[in-house]
Amino acid sequence: MTVEEQAKKLAAQNKATESKISEIYWFPDEKEVRLVEVLDELPLQDSDELEVIYFNPEPDMPHQMAIGLVHPRQFKRLTLPHAWGTWETGRKLEIAG
């Protein structure tokens, strides 16, 4: 499974379990799945940096995973982790749900 395939699979699973996610963005990387999920009901962050949660690979998801949740008002306003690039490098994933 490629990183992109895993990103799409993870995004679809997350959208299926949390219907209030309005958008999901993938920040391409060769070894790690990096997603930002926009969630309307999320409280605003006090920090200026996107808080990211890291997950270890699993049998059906072999790549390291990192997910940041962001309120729509803070989308593109928080600083991404340095290795992720800029907000413009993110690709919106079209996920049914």
N, C-alpha and C. Protein backbone atom coordinates (compact mmCIF):
# COMPACT_ATOMS: atom_id res chain seq x y z
N MET A 1 0.85 -1.18 0.00
CA MET A 1 0.00 0.00 0.00
C MET A 1 0.89 1.24 0.00
N THR A 2 0.59 2.17 -0.88
CA THR A 2 1.36 3.42 -0.93
C THR A 2 0.91 4.35 0.20
N VAL A 3 1.71 5.36 0.45
CA VAL A 3 1.34 6.36 1.46
C VAL A 3 0.04 7.05 1.07
N GLU A 4 -0.11 7.39 -0.22
CA GLU A 4 -1.33 8.05 -0.68
C GLU A 4 -2.56 7.15 -0.51
N GLU A 5 -2.43 5.88 -0.84
CA GLU A 5 -3.55 4.95 -0.67
C GLU A 5 -3.94 4.84 0.80
N GLN A 6 -2.94 4.77 1.66
CA GLN A 6 -3.23 4.70 3.09
C GLN A 6 -3.87 5.99 3.59
N ALA A 7 -3.41 7.13 3.09
CA ALA A 7 -3.99 8.41 3.49
C ALA A 7 -5.47 8.46 3.14
N LYS A 8 -5.80 8.02 1.94
CA LYS A 8 -7.21 8.03 1.51
C LYS A 8 -8.04 7.05 2.32
N LYS A 9 -7.47 5.89 2.62
CA LYS A 9 -8.19 4.89 3.42
C LYS A 9 -8.44 5.42 4.83
N LEU A 10 -7.41 5.98 5.45
CA LEU A 10 -7.54 6.52 6.80
C LEU A 10 -8.53 7.68 6.83
N ALA A 11 -8.46 8.55 5.84
CA ALA A 11 -9.40 9.68 5.77
C ALA A 11 -10.84 9.18 5.65
N ALA A 12 -11.06 8.18 4.82
CA ALA A 12 -12.41 7.63 4.66
C ALA A 12 -12.91 7.01 5.95
N GLN A 13 -12.05 6.29 6.65
CA GLN A 13 -12.44 5.69 7.93
C GLN A 13 -12.77 6.76 8.96
N ASN A 14 -11.94 7.80 9.03
CA ASN A 14 -12.18 8.87 9.99
C ASN A 14 -13.47 9.61 9.69
N LYS A 15 -13.73 9.88 8.42
CA LYS A 15 -14.97 10.57 8.02
C LYS A 15 -16.18 9.71 8.33
N ALA A 16 -16.07 8.39 8.14
CA ALA A 16 -17.18 7.48 8.43
C ALA A 16 -17.51 7.44 9.92
N THR A 17 -16.50 7.59 10.77
CA THR A 17 -16.74 7.53 12.21
C THR A 17 -17.02 8.90 12.83
N GLU A 18 -16.67 9.97 12.12
CA GLU A 18 -16.91 11.34 12.62
C GLU A 18 -17.51 12.17 11.49
N SER A 19 -18.82 12.18 11.43
CA SER A 19 -19.53 12.85 10.33
C SER A 19 -19.36 14.37 10.36
N LYS A 20 -18.92 14.94 11.46
CA LYS A 20 -18.79 16.39 11.56
C LYS A 20 -17.48 16.91 10.97
N ILE A 21 -16.64 16.00 10.46
CA ILE A 21 -15.44 16.45 9.75
C ILE A 21 -15.90 17.06 8.44
N SER A 22 -15.55 18.32 8.19
CA SER A 22 -16.02 18.98 6.97
C SER A 22 -15.03 18.84 5.82
N GLU A 23 -13.73 18.77 6.12
CA GLU A 23 -12.71 18.65 5.08
C GLU A 23 -11.52 17.88 5.64
N ILE A 24 -10.81 17.19 4.74
CA ILE A 24 -9.59 16.49 5.13
C ILE A 24 -8.52 16.82 4.09
N TYR A 25 -7.34 17.20 4.58
CA TYR A 25 -6.21 17.53 3.72
C TYR A 25 -5.07 16.58 3.99
N TRP A 26 -4.44 16.15 2.90
CA TRP A 26 -3.27 15.28 2.97
C TRP A 26 -2.03 16.07 2.59
N PHE A 27 -1.00 15.96 3.40
CA PHE A 27 0.28 16.61 3.15
C PHE A 27 1.27 15.53 2.73
N PRO A 28 1.49 15.39 1.42
CA PRO A 28 2.28 14.27 0.89
C PRO A 28 3.68 14.15 1.49
N ASP A 29 4.05 12.90 1.73
CA ASP A 29 5.36 12.53 2.23
C ASP A 29 5.62 11.10 1.75
N GLU A 30 6.87 10.73 1.61
CA GLU A 30 7.19 9.40 1.10
C GLU A 30 7.05 8.30 2.13
N LYS A 31 7.10 8.64 3.43
CA LYS A 31 7.11 7.60 4.46
C LYS A 31 5.99 7.72 5.49
N GLU A 32 5.34 8.87 5.58
CA GLU A 32 4.39 9.11 6.66
C GLU A 32 3.09 9.67 6.10
N VAL A 33 1.97 9.19 6.63
CA VAL A 33 0.66 9.76 6.29
C VAL A 33 0.46 10.98 7.19
N ARG A 34 0.19 12.13 6.56
CA ARG A 34 -0.01 13.39 7.30
C ARG A 34 -1.34 13.98 6.89
N LEU A 35 -2.28 14.00 7.84
CA LEU A 35 -3.62 14.51 7.55
C LEU A 35 -3.95 15.67 8.49
N VAL A 36 -4.71 16.63 7.95
CA VAL A 36 -5.34 17.67 8.76
C VAL A 36 -6.84 17.54 8.52
N GLU A 37 -7.57 17.39 9.61
CA GLU A 37 -9.02 17.24 9.52
C GLU A 37 -9.68 18.47 10.12
N VAL A 38 -10.57 19.08 9.35
CA VAL A 38 -11.28 20.28 9.79
C VAL A 38 -12.58 19.83 10.45
N LEU A 39 -12.72 20.17 11.71
CA LEU A 39 -13.84 19.69 12.52
C LEU A 39 -14.54 20.87 13.17
N ASP A 40 -15.79 21.10 12.76
CA ASP A 40 -16.55 22.26 13.22
C ASP A 40 -16.72 22.34 14.73
N GLU A 41 -16.88 21.21 15.39
CA GLU A 41 -17.19 21.21 16.83
C GLU A 41 -15.95 21.22 17.72
N LEU A 42 -14.80 21.35 17.12
CA LEU A 42 -13.56 21.36 17.87
C LEU A 42 -13.37 22.73 18.53
N PRO A 43 -12.93 22.77 19.77
CA PRO A 43 -12.64 24.08 20.38
C PRO A 43 -11.42 24.72 19.72
N LEU A 44 -11.35 26.03 19.78
CA LEU A 44 -10.21 26.74 19.25
C LEU A 44 -8.96 26.40 20.07
N GLN A 45 -7.83 26.26 19.39
CA GLN A 45 -6.57 25.98 20.07
C GLN A 45 -5.99 27.25 20.64
N ASP A 46 -5.34 27.15 21.79
CA ASP A 46 -4.66 28.29 22.40
C ASP A 46 -3.31 28.54 21.75
N SER A 47 -2.72 27.48 21.21
CA SER A 47 -1.40 27.56 20.62
C SER A 47 -1.48 28.07 19.18
N ASP A 48 -0.36 28.59 18.68
CA ASP A 48 -0.28 29.02 17.28
C ASP A 48 0.16 27.89 16.37
N GLU A 49 0.48 26.73 16.96
CA GLU A 49 0.94 25.59 16.18
C GLU A 49 -0.11 24.50 16.17
N LEU A 50 -0.23 23.83 15.03
CA LEU A 50 -1.16 22.72 14.91
C LEU A 50 -0.70 21.59 15.81
N GLU A 51 -1.59 21.11 16.65
CA GLU A 51 -1.27 19.98 17.52
C GLU A 51 -1.54 18.70 16.73
N VAL A 52 -0.53 17.85 16.66
CA VAL A 52 -0.58 16.63 15.86
C VAL A 52 -0.45 15.41 16.76
N ILE A 53 -1.25 14.40 16.47
CA ILE A 53 -1.19 13.13 17.18
C ILE A 53 -0.56 12.12 16.22
N TYR A 54 0.42 11.37 16.72
CA TYR A 54 1.11 10.37 15.90
C TYR A 54 0.63 8.98 16.28
N PHE A 55 0.48 8.14 15.25
CA PHE A 55 0.05 6.76 15.43
C PHE A 55 1.06 5.84 14.77
N ASN A 56 1.35 4.72 15.42
CA ASN A 56 2.27 3.74 14.87
C ASN A 56 1.61 2.95 13.75
N PRO A 57 2.41 2.41 12.85
CA PRO A 57 1.86 1.56 11.79
C PRO A 57 1.10 0.37 12.38
N GLU A 58 0.17 -0.13 11.59
CA GLU A 58 -0.63 -1.29 11.96
C GLU A 58 -0.55 -2.28 10.79
N PRO A 59 -0.97 -3.53 10.99
CA PRO A 59 -0.88 -4.49 9.89
C PRO A 59 -1.54 -4.03 8.59
N ASP A 60 -2.71 -3.40 8.69
CA ASP A 60 -3.40 -2.96 7.47
C ASP A 60 -3.08 -1.52 7.08
N MET A 61 -2.25 -0.85 7.90
CA MET A 61 -1.80 0.51 7.62
C MET A 61 -0.31 0.58 7.97
N PRO A 62 0.54 0.24 6.99
CA PRO A 62 1.96 0.04 7.29
C PRO A 62 2.81 1.30 7.50
N HIS A 63 2.27 2.47 7.20
CA HIS A 63 3.06 3.70 7.33
C HIS A 63 2.71 4.43 8.62
N GLN A 64 3.70 5.11 9.20
CA GLN A 64 3.47 5.99 10.35
C GLN A 64 2.37 6.98 9.99
N MET A 65 1.52 7.35 10.95
CA MET A 65 0.41 8.26 10.69
C MET A 65 0.47 9.45 11.64
N ALA A 66 0.10 10.61 11.13
CA ALA A 66 0.04 11.84 11.93
C ALA A 66 -1.23 12.59 11.54
N ILE A 67 -2.01 12.95 12.55
CA ILE A 67 -3.28 13.64 12.29
C ILE A 67 -3.38 14.88 13.17
N GLY A 68 -3.72 15.99 12.53
CA GLY A 68 -4.00 17.23 13.25
C GLY A 68 -5.45 17.60 13.04
N LEU A 69 -6.11 18.01 14.11
CA LEU A 69 -7.50 18.46 14.03
C LEU A 69 -7.52 19.97 14.19
N VAL A 70 -8.35 20.62 13.39
CA VAL A 70 -8.36 22.07 13.43
C VAL A 70 -9.79 22.60 13.27
N HIS A 71 -10.10 23.64 14.00
CA HIS A 71 -11.38 24.34 13.87
C HIS A 71 -11.33 25.15 12.57
N PRO A 72 -12.45 25.28 11.86
CA PRO A 72 -12.44 26.03 10.59
C PRO A 72 -11.87 27.44 10.69
N ARG A 73 -12.08 28.13 11.80
CA ARG A 73 -11.56 29.50 11.94
C ARG A 73 -10.04 29.54 12.06
N GLN A 74 -9.43 28.41 12.42
CA GLN A 74 -7.99 28.37 12.55
C GLN A 74 -7.32 27.66 11.38
N PHE A 75 -8.12 27.18 10.43
CA PHE A 75 -7.58 26.50 9.26
C PHE A 75 -6.69 27.46 8.48
N LYS A 76 -5.52 27.02 8.14
CA LYS A 76 -4.49 27.78 7.43
C LYS A 76 -3.92 28.94 8.26
N ARG A 77 -4.25 29.02 9.51
CA ARG A 77 -3.73 30.08 10.38
C ARG A 77 -2.72 29.54 11.39
N LEU A 78 -2.83 28.25 11.69
CA LEU A 78 -1.88 27.64 12.62
C LEU A 78 -0.62 27.24 11.87
N THR A 79 0.48 27.21 12.58
CA THR A 79 1.75 26.79 11.99
C THR A 79 1.79 25.27 11.93
N LEU A 80 2.10 24.74 10.75
CA LEU A 80 2.23 23.30 10.59
C LEU A 80 3.57 22.81 11.14
N PRO A 81 3.67 21.51 11.46
CA PRO A 81 4.99 20.98 11.82
C PRO A 81 5.98 21.29 10.69
N HIS A 82 7.19 21.60 11.03
CA HIS A 82 8.18 22.08 10.06
C HIS A 82 8.31 21.17 8.84
N ALA A 83 8.40 19.88 9.02
CA ALA A 83 8.63 18.95 7.91
C ALA A 83 7.43 18.83 6.97
N TRP A 84 6.28 19.35 7.34
CA TRP A 84 5.06 19.21 6.53
C TRP A 84 5.02 20.20 5.38
N GLY A 85 5.82 21.21 5.39
CA GLY A 85 5.74 22.23 4.35
C GLY A 85 4.77 23.33 4.74
N THR A 86 4.07 23.86 3.75
CA THR A 86 3.12 24.95 3.98
C THR A 86 1.70 24.46 3.75
N TRP A 87 0.74 25.28 4.11
CA TRP A 87 -0.66 24.93 3.88
C TRP A 87 -0.93 24.71 2.40
N GLU A 88 -0.20 25.38 1.56
CA GLU A 88 -0.43 25.25 0.12
C GLU A 88 -0.01 23.88 -0.42
N THR A 89 0.83 23.15 0.30
CA THR A 89 1.24 21.82 -0.15
C THR A 89 0.18 20.76 0.15
N GLY A 90 -0.79 21.11 0.99
CA GLY A 90 -1.86 20.17 1.32
C GLY A 90 -2.80 19.95 0.16
N ARG A 91 -3.23 18.71 0.02
CA ARG A 91 -4.19 18.36 -1.03
C ARG A 91 -5.51 17.94 -0.39
N LYS A 92 -6.58 18.60 -0.78
CA LYS A 92 -7.88 18.25 -0.23
C LYS A 92 -8.30 16.89 -0.77
N LEU A 93 -8.69 16.01 0.15
CA LEU A 93 -9.17 14.69 -0.23
C LEU A 93 -10.69 14.72 -0.32
N GLU A 94 -11.22 14.25 -1.41
CA GLU A 94 -12.67 14.19 -1.60
C GLU A 94 -13.15 12.87 -1.01
N ILE A 95 -13.79 12.95 0.14
CA ILE A 95 -14.25 11.78 0.87
C ILE A 95 -15.76 11.81 0.96
N ALA A 96 -16.40 10.77 0.50
CA ALA A 96 -17.86 10.68 0.60
C ALA A 96 -18.25 10.50 2.06
N GLY A 97 -19.41 11.01 2.39
CA GLY A 97 -19.86 10.81 3.77
C GLY A 97 -20.79 11.79 4.19
